Structure formats: C-alpha cells, structure tokens
Protein backbone atom coordinates (compact mmCIF):
# COMPACT_ATOMS: atom_id res chain seq x y z
CA MET A 1 -0.25 0.05 0.03
CA TRP A 2 2.68 2.39 1.11
CA SER A 3 4.62 1.51 -1.96
CA LYS A 4 1.72 2.29 -4.48
CA PHE A 5 1.20 5.82 -2.53
CA ARG A 6 4.88 6.86 -2.65
CA VAL A 7 4.51 5.68 -6.78
CA LEU A 8 1.16 7.93 -6.98
CA LEU A 9 3.06 10.98 -5.17
CA GLY A 10 5.86 10.96 -7.40
CA VAL A 11 3.69 11.07 -10.43
CA GLY A 12 2.08 13.54 -8.77
CA VAL A 13 5.20 15.64 -8.14
CA THR A 14 6.86 15.14 -11.58
CA VAL A 15 3.41 15.83 -13.05
CA GLY A 16 3.43 18.78 -11.39
CA THR A 17 7.02 20.29 -11.83
CA GLY A 18 6.33 19.41 -15.79
CA LEU A 19 3.07 22.03 -15.86
CA GLY A 20 5.25 24.53 -13.32
CA ILE A 21 7.92 24.33 -15.92
CA VAL A 22 5.64 24.47 -18.62
CA HIS A 23 3.29 27.31 -17.08
CA MET A 24 7.10 29.04 -16.25
CA LYS A 25 8.34 28.79 -20.08
CA ARG A 26 5.23 30.29 -21.27
CA GLU A 27 5.82 32.90 -19.01
CA VAL A 28 9.21 33.82 -20.04
CA ALA A 29 7.55 33.83 -23.67
CA TYR A 30 4.91 36.30 -22.85
CA ALA A 31 7.26 38.85 -21.16
CA GLN A 32 9.84 38.49 -24.40
CA ALA A 33 7.12 38.75 -26.74
CA VAL A 34 7.93 35.47 -28.30
CA PRO A 35 5.65 32.58 -29.28
CA SER A 36 5.83 29.95 -26.65
CA TYR A 37 6.07 27.46 -30.02
CA GLN A 38 8.21 26.42 -32.50
CA SER A 39 9.31 28.44 -35.30
CA PRO A 40 7.33 27.42 -38.39
CA THR A 41 9.81 24.49 -39.89
CA TRP A 42 10.08 26.52 -42.73
CA VAL A 43 11.34 30.04 -41.21
CA ARG A 44 14.82 29.92 -39.04
CA PRO A 45 13.97 32.85 -36.22
CA THR A 46 17.24 34.28 -36.76
CA ASP A 47 16.19 35.13 -40.70
CA CYS A 48 12.81 35.78 -39.61
CA PRO A 49 12.41 37.09 -35.70
CA TYR A 50 9.37 37.45 -34.38
CA THR A 51 9.47 41.30 -33.13
CA THR A 52 6.49 43.31 -31.34
CA TRP A 53 4.77 46.68 -32.12
CA ASP A 54 6.52 49.97 -30.98
CA GLU A 55 3.85 51.67 -29.69
CA ASN A 56 5.91 54.87 -29.61
CA TRP A 57 6.77 54.67 -33.21
CA ASP A 58 6.59 58.47 -34.30
CA ARG A 59 8.02 59.54 -31.19
CA ARG A 60 4.21 61.64 -30.09
CA GLY A 61 2.52 59.10 -27.46
CA ALA A 62 1.41 60.29 -24.90
CA LEU A 63 3.40 57.55 -22.58
CA LYS A 64 2.26 55.63 -19.23
CA LYS A 65 4.56 56.21 -16.26
CA PRO A 66 6.51 53.52 -15.88
CA PRO A 67 6.46 50.94 -13.10
CA LYS A 68 9.15 51.73 -10.16
CA SER A 69 9.87 48.11 -10.23
CA GLY A 70 9.81 45.78 -12.92
CA GLY A 71 8.09 46.19 -16.44
CA ASP A 72 9.84 45.96 -19.79
CA GLY A 73 11.40 48.98 -20.14
CA LYS A 74 9.80 49.68 -23.29
CA ASP A 75 7.59 52.67 -23.85
CA HIS A 76 3.86 52.34 -23.12
CA VAL A 77 1.36 54.81 -24.92
CA ASP A 78 -1.66 55.73 -22.66
CA PRO A 79 -4.63 54.76 -24.36
CA GLY A 80 -6.63 57.47 -22.51
CA LYS A 81 -4.96 60.28 -23.29
CA SER A 82 -5.16 59.77 -27.36
CA SER A 83 -7.61 60.93 -30.14
CA LYS A 84 -10.38 58.42 -30.66
CA ALA A 85 -10.15 60.38 -34.43
CA CYS A 86 -7.54 58.81 -37.30
CA ARG A 87 -6.11 60.22 -39.83
CA HIS A 88 -6.64 58.72 -43.08
CA LEU A 89 -3.45 58.85 -45.59
CA ILE A 90 -4.73 57.99 -49.21
CA LEU A 91 -1.64 57.46 -51.42
CA ILE A 92 -2.05 57.40 -55.19
CA ARG A 93 0.86 56.47 -57.83
CA HIS A 94 0.75 58.79 -60.66
CA GLY A 95 -0.09 57.74 -64.43
CA GLN A 96 1.36 55.83 -67.12
CA TYR A 97 4.05 58.24 -68.45
CA ASN A 98 6.34 58.69 -71.01
CA LEU A 99 9.30 56.25 -70.32
CA MET A 100 11.43 57.58 -72.87
CA GLY A 101 11.87 60.80 -71.81
CA LYS A 102 15.55 61.96 -70.81
CA GLU A 103 14.78 64.68 -68.09
CA ASP A 104 12.03 64.91 -66.03
CA LYS A 105 10.00 67.51 -67.68
CA GLU A 106 9.75 65.02 -71.04
CA ARG A 107 8.28 62.34 -69.16
CA MET A 108 4.98 63.58 -69.24
CA LEU A 109 1.78 61.43 -68.96
CA THR A 110 0.76 59.50 -71.74
CA PRO A 111 -3.07 59.76 -72.91
CA LEU A 112 -3.43 56.69 -71.22
CA GLY A 113 -1.99 57.90 -68.13
CA ARG A 114 -3.92 61.02 -68.38
CA GLU A 115 -7.43 58.68 -68.32
CA GLN A 116 -6.15 56.63 -65.09
CA ALA A 117 -5.80 59.83 -63.50
CA LYS A 118 -9.06 60.65 -64.15
CA GLY A 119 -10.37 57.71 -63.33
CA VAL A 120 -8.88 57.72 -59.87
CA GLY A 121 -10.11 61.46 -59.17
CA GLU A 122 -13.81 59.73 -60.02
CA ARG A 123 -12.96 57.24 -57.26
CA LEU A 124 -12.48 59.95 -54.93
CA LYS A 125 -15.11 61.70 -55.93
CA GLN A 126 -17.41 58.85 -55.23
CA LEU A 127 -16.12 58.38 -52.35
CA ASN A 128 -16.47 61.85 -51.12
CA MET A 129 -14.64 62.04 -47.98
CA PRO A 130 -13.68 65.41 -46.43
CA TYR A 131 -10.41 65.80 -47.85
CA SER A 132 -8.62 68.02 -46.52
CA ALA A 133 -5.18 68.18 -48.28
CA LEU A 134 -4.07 66.67 -51.90
CA ILE A 135 -0.36 66.65 -51.84
CA ASN A 136 1.90 65.88 -54.51
CA SER A 137 5.47 64.74 -55.40
CA THR A 138 7.24 67.82 -57.29
CA MET A 139 7.87 65.33 -60.59
CA THR A 140 6.31 66.33 -63.60
CA ARG A 141 4.01 62.91 -63.79
CA ALA A 142 3.12 62.93 -59.89
CA ARG A 143 2.22 67.06 -60.37
CA GLU A 144 0.41 65.83 -63.82
CA THR A 145 -1.43 63.42 -62.04
CA SER A 146 -2.29 65.65 -59.18
CA ASN A 147 -3.49 67.99 -61.02
CA ILE A 148 -6.39 65.76 -63.35
CA ILE A 149 -7.64 64.71 -59.77
CA SER A 150 -7.90 68.50 -58.16
CA GLU A 151 -9.90 69.43 -61.47
CA VAL A 152 -12.41 66.09 -60.72
CA LEU A 153 -12.10 66.84 -57.05
CA GLY A 154 -13.88 70.35 -58.55
CA ASN A 155 -10.51 72.45 -57.69
CA LYS A 156 -11.75 72.66 -53.86
CA VAL A 157 -9.16 70.60 -51.86
CA PRO A 158 -5.83 72.42 -50.68
CA ARG A 159 -3.11 72.18 -52.85
CA LYS A 160 0.51 71.14 -51.69
CA GLU A 161 3.85 69.91 -53.05
CA GLN A 162 6.66 68.27 -51.13
CA ARG A 163 9.52 67.42 -53.11
CA MET A 164 10.88 65.01 -50.95
CA LEU A 165 8.38 62.86 -52.39
CA GLU A 166 10.28 62.28 -55.62
CA GLU A 167 11.08 58.88 -56.54
CA GLY A 168 13.85 57.48 -55.72
CA SER A 169 15.96 54.17 -54.36
CA PRO A 170 14.65 53.69 -50.46
CA ALA A 171 16.58 50.57 -49.23
CA MET A 172 18.49 47.97 -50.85
CA PRO A 173 15.99 45.49 -51.81
CA GLU A 174 16.22 41.57 -50.38
CA PRO A 175 16.73 39.82 -52.58
CA ARG A 176 18.63 41.16 -54.78
CA SER A 177 16.90 42.02 -58.68
CA SER A 178 18.84 41.76 -61.40
CA ASN A 179 16.16 44.31 -62.76
CA TYR A 180 17.09 46.86 -60.48
CA GLN A 181 20.40 47.66 -59.80
CA LYS A 182 21.68 50.72 -57.75
CA SER A 183 24.61 51.67 -56.14
CA GLU A 184 24.75 52.29 -52.12
CA HIS A 185 25.55 55.71 -53.01
CA THR A 186 22.15 56.17 -54.57
CA VAL A 187 20.00 54.00 -52.01
CA PHE A 188 22.21 55.93 -48.86
CA ARG A 189 20.79 59.64 -50.67
CA ASP A 190 17.41 58.27 -51.66
CA GLY A 191 17.21 56.11 -48.47
CA ALA A 192 17.54 58.93 -46.40
CA ARG A 193 15.35 61.56 -47.88
CA ILE A 194 12.30 58.65 -48.04
CA GLU A 195 12.44 57.71 -44.82
CA ALA A 196 12.34 61.66 -43.93
CA ALA A 197 8.72 62.01 -45.81
CA PHE A 198 7.76 58.99 -44.19
CA ARG A 199 8.13 61.18 -40.88
CA GLU A 200 6.65 63.96 -42.60
CA LEU A 201 3.67 62.40 -43.34
CA PHE A 202 3.14 59.43 -40.94
CA TYR A 203 1.98 60.30 -37.58
CA ARG A 204 -0.71 59.75 -35.48
CA PRO A 205 -3.98 61.96 -34.64
CA GLU A 206 -3.22 64.69 -31.41
CA PRO A 207 -5.09 64.31 -28.74
CA SER A 208 -7.12 67.59 -29.18
CA MET A 209 -8.02 66.24 -32.42
CA LYS A 210 -12.04 65.32 -32.79
CA GLU A 211 -13.07 63.52 -36.42
CA ASP A 212 -11.35 62.25 -38.77
CA SER A 213 -9.14 63.54 -41.29
CA TYR A 214 -8.43 62.70 -44.89
CA GLU A 215 -5.48 63.87 -46.56
CA ILE A 216 -4.36 62.56 -50.46
CA VAL A 217 -0.98 62.12 -51.64
CA VAL A 218 -0.04 61.89 -54.84
CA CYS A 219 3.77 59.89 -55.92
CA HIS A 220 5.62 57.26 -56.51
CA ALA A 221 5.75 53.11 -56.46
CA ASN A 222 8.44 52.90 -54.65
CA VAL A 223 8.19 55.51 -52.38
CA ILE A 224 4.56 54.11 -51.31
CA ARG A 225 5.72 50.61 -51.50
CA TYR A 226 8.77 51.36 -48.71
CA PHE A 227 5.56 53.70 -46.33
CA VAL A 228 3.40 50.22 -46.36
CA CYS A 229 7.03 48.43 -44.72
CA ARG A 230 7.73 51.77 -42.56
CA ALA A 231 4.43 51.89 -41.70
CA LEU A 232 3.56 48.25 -40.92
CA GLN A 233 6.92 47.85 -39.37
CA PHE A 234 7.98 45.18 -41.60
CA PRO A 235 11.72 45.07 -42.69
CA PRO A 236 12.04 47.72 -45.15
CA GLU A 237 14.13 46.13 -47.47
CA ALA A 238 11.33 43.65 -48.22
CA TRP A 239 9.75 46.94 -50.31
CA LEU A 240 10.49 45.25 -54.19
CA ARG A 241 8.39 42.37 -53.29
CA PHE A 242 5.16 43.47 -54.97
CA SER A 243 3.71 46.08 -57.68
CA LEU A 244 1.90 49.18 -57.76
CA LYS A 245 -0.90 49.44 -60.92
CA HIS A 246 -0.69 53.01 -62.36
CA CYS A 247 -3.20 55.59 -60.60
CA SER A 248 -3.44 52.39 -57.55
CA ILE A 249 -4.73 53.69 -54.07
CA THR A 250 -2.86 52.80 -51.23
CA TRP A 251 -4.80 53.67 -47.91
CA PHE A 252 -3.56 53.91 -44.28
CA THR A 253 -5.33 54.68 -41.12
CA ILE A 254 -3.71 55.97 -38.30
CA HIS A 255 -5.09 55.49 -34.89
CA GLY A 256 -5.01 57.73 -31.93
CA ASN A 257 -3.12 54.86 -29.78
CA GLY A 258 -0.49 54.98 -33.39
CA ASN A 259 -2.18 51.64 -34.55
CA ILE A 260 -1.54 51.11 -37.91
CA SER A 261 -3.75 49.62 -40.48
CA VAL A 262 -3.72 49.24 -44.55
CA ARG A 263 -7.08 49.54 -46.00
CA SER A 264 -5.92 48.71 -49.64
CA VAL A 265 -2.24 48.39 -51.37
CA GLY A 266 -2.53 48.84 -54.81
CA ASP A 267 -6.43 49.36 -55.30
CA SER A 268 -7.28 49.90 -58.80
CA GLY A 269 -10.40 47.60 -59.54
CA PHE A 270 -12.19 50.96 -60.19
CA LEU A 271 -10.35 50.86 -63.44
CA PRO A 272 -11.46 49.04 -66.55
CA PRO A 273 -9.01 45.94 -67.13
CA THR A 274 -7.46 48.11 -70.56
CA ARG A 275 -6.41 50.86 -68.23
CA LEU A 276 -4.23 48.52 -66.03
CA THR A 277 -0.89 49.23 -66.15
CA THR A 278 2.52 48.60 -64.63
CA SER A 279 4.97 50.26 -66.70
C-alpha cells in the first residue's frame, strides 16, 4: 500500500513540476513577446524573427509612467490620453508616363496615364470624403496626375507639393534583383530623403483631434511600397517584393493610439482592365 502511495506521489510531483515548468516557460515567452511554440520549420528565427510593435514609433505618444520596479523597459502609450479620431492617408501612384523622356520635364503622362488619373479622381469623388489636403511629388508625372485629380474634385481641396516624395531607391532590396541595380550611394542618398518624407507624413492624430481627417498623396511606386513596409514595421528591404498599378490607391489609417492599418494596397478595381498598367 505504502509503495503504491509513493509511486502516485512521485507521479504527482513529476506532473506538477512539469506543468510548473511549462507555465514558467510560457510566462517567460509572454514577457519576451515571442511565441511559446517553435517557429515554423520553413522559417529560421534568425532570418525571420518575431518582433513586437513599437507603440511610440512616431515619438508623439502620450506615454504611461513606467513602474517603479519591474516592467519591460519599453515605452507604452496611454490610450486614455489618445485621440479617438483617425488620420487617413490615401496614397496614389501617378499615371502612366513617357518612359523615353531623358529629363523629368519630358516624362509627362501619356494619354492613357491621363485617363487613369481621371479615373482615380472620379473614384475619390465617389468616396465623397472631406479631403483636407492634396499633396504631390514635384516630379512632372505626379504633378500632372494631381492636377487632373484636383480638377475632378472641383479644385476645392487645398494643394501642397513635397519634394521629399520624389521617386528614388528607399532601401537595398532583399532579395536582390537583376532588374534593379542601384549603387550604395544612390540608396544612401535617396533612403534618407524618403525616410524623412515618411516621418513628415506619418504620425498619429493629436489628442485634441475630434474628427477623422483625409489627405490625398500623389507620388511614386517605390515610395509607396517603402511606406507600406515602414508603417507596418515590416523589414524595409521587402519593398520590391510587390508591385502597384498606375493610379492605384493605397490607404493607411492611423489611429490615436498609434496603431496603423492598411485598408488597401494598390487598389485599382475601379479602372477597367484596358487601363491597368504598371509601366
């Protein structure tokens, strides 16, 4: 009888200890913000690590006071001090343009590109949002696209131009592509400018903001793709892994607590198939 009791007691202690270890490992995993399970066999953690969201990515969040002891040492935004409104950034790639132009002024929209610009303008008009700004890159093709959109919207939306939005090489792509060869100097120069454009445009609503805002930004495929990666805190070198149609819509929603959602990437379903182009 006593021997059976000792066996049962030993099993109970072993099981209890095992459960305690599992629970402890799970708590450690939660604290480190990594999954408590093994990474998929097709992904090596060193190549594709699990990461946590930077709540204060724009350095504008109203932060909670850190605890006197413990904590994870990271900034945490106080949702009670955040706006309930959202900022909507509606990014549009310019229309098809003359690829044979040697200088920017010669790289004007083609007749098809003008039709594409009119089409996206009509789409924005149908959405009927209270647009507060129409911002465009200073390059000819973006300016012309913005002009057509403005006309369709009745020239009622305040206009701005932003040189930092010009096309460029935001980051050295990974994996490398034989179709995209840029020098390290070019990436070093353009990357800083495009990152500055991101920081100029992307930020959470001010706490005093009461209603949603809607801004239209007309720029370029490389810039928009980088912004998608950057806003979602994905590796920026992934920007070349997807493409965007001319005059497609990529829609960002920035919440008061700093969370960002992408409502659409490269939406061009409002254009007929005969007007869909990428180059």
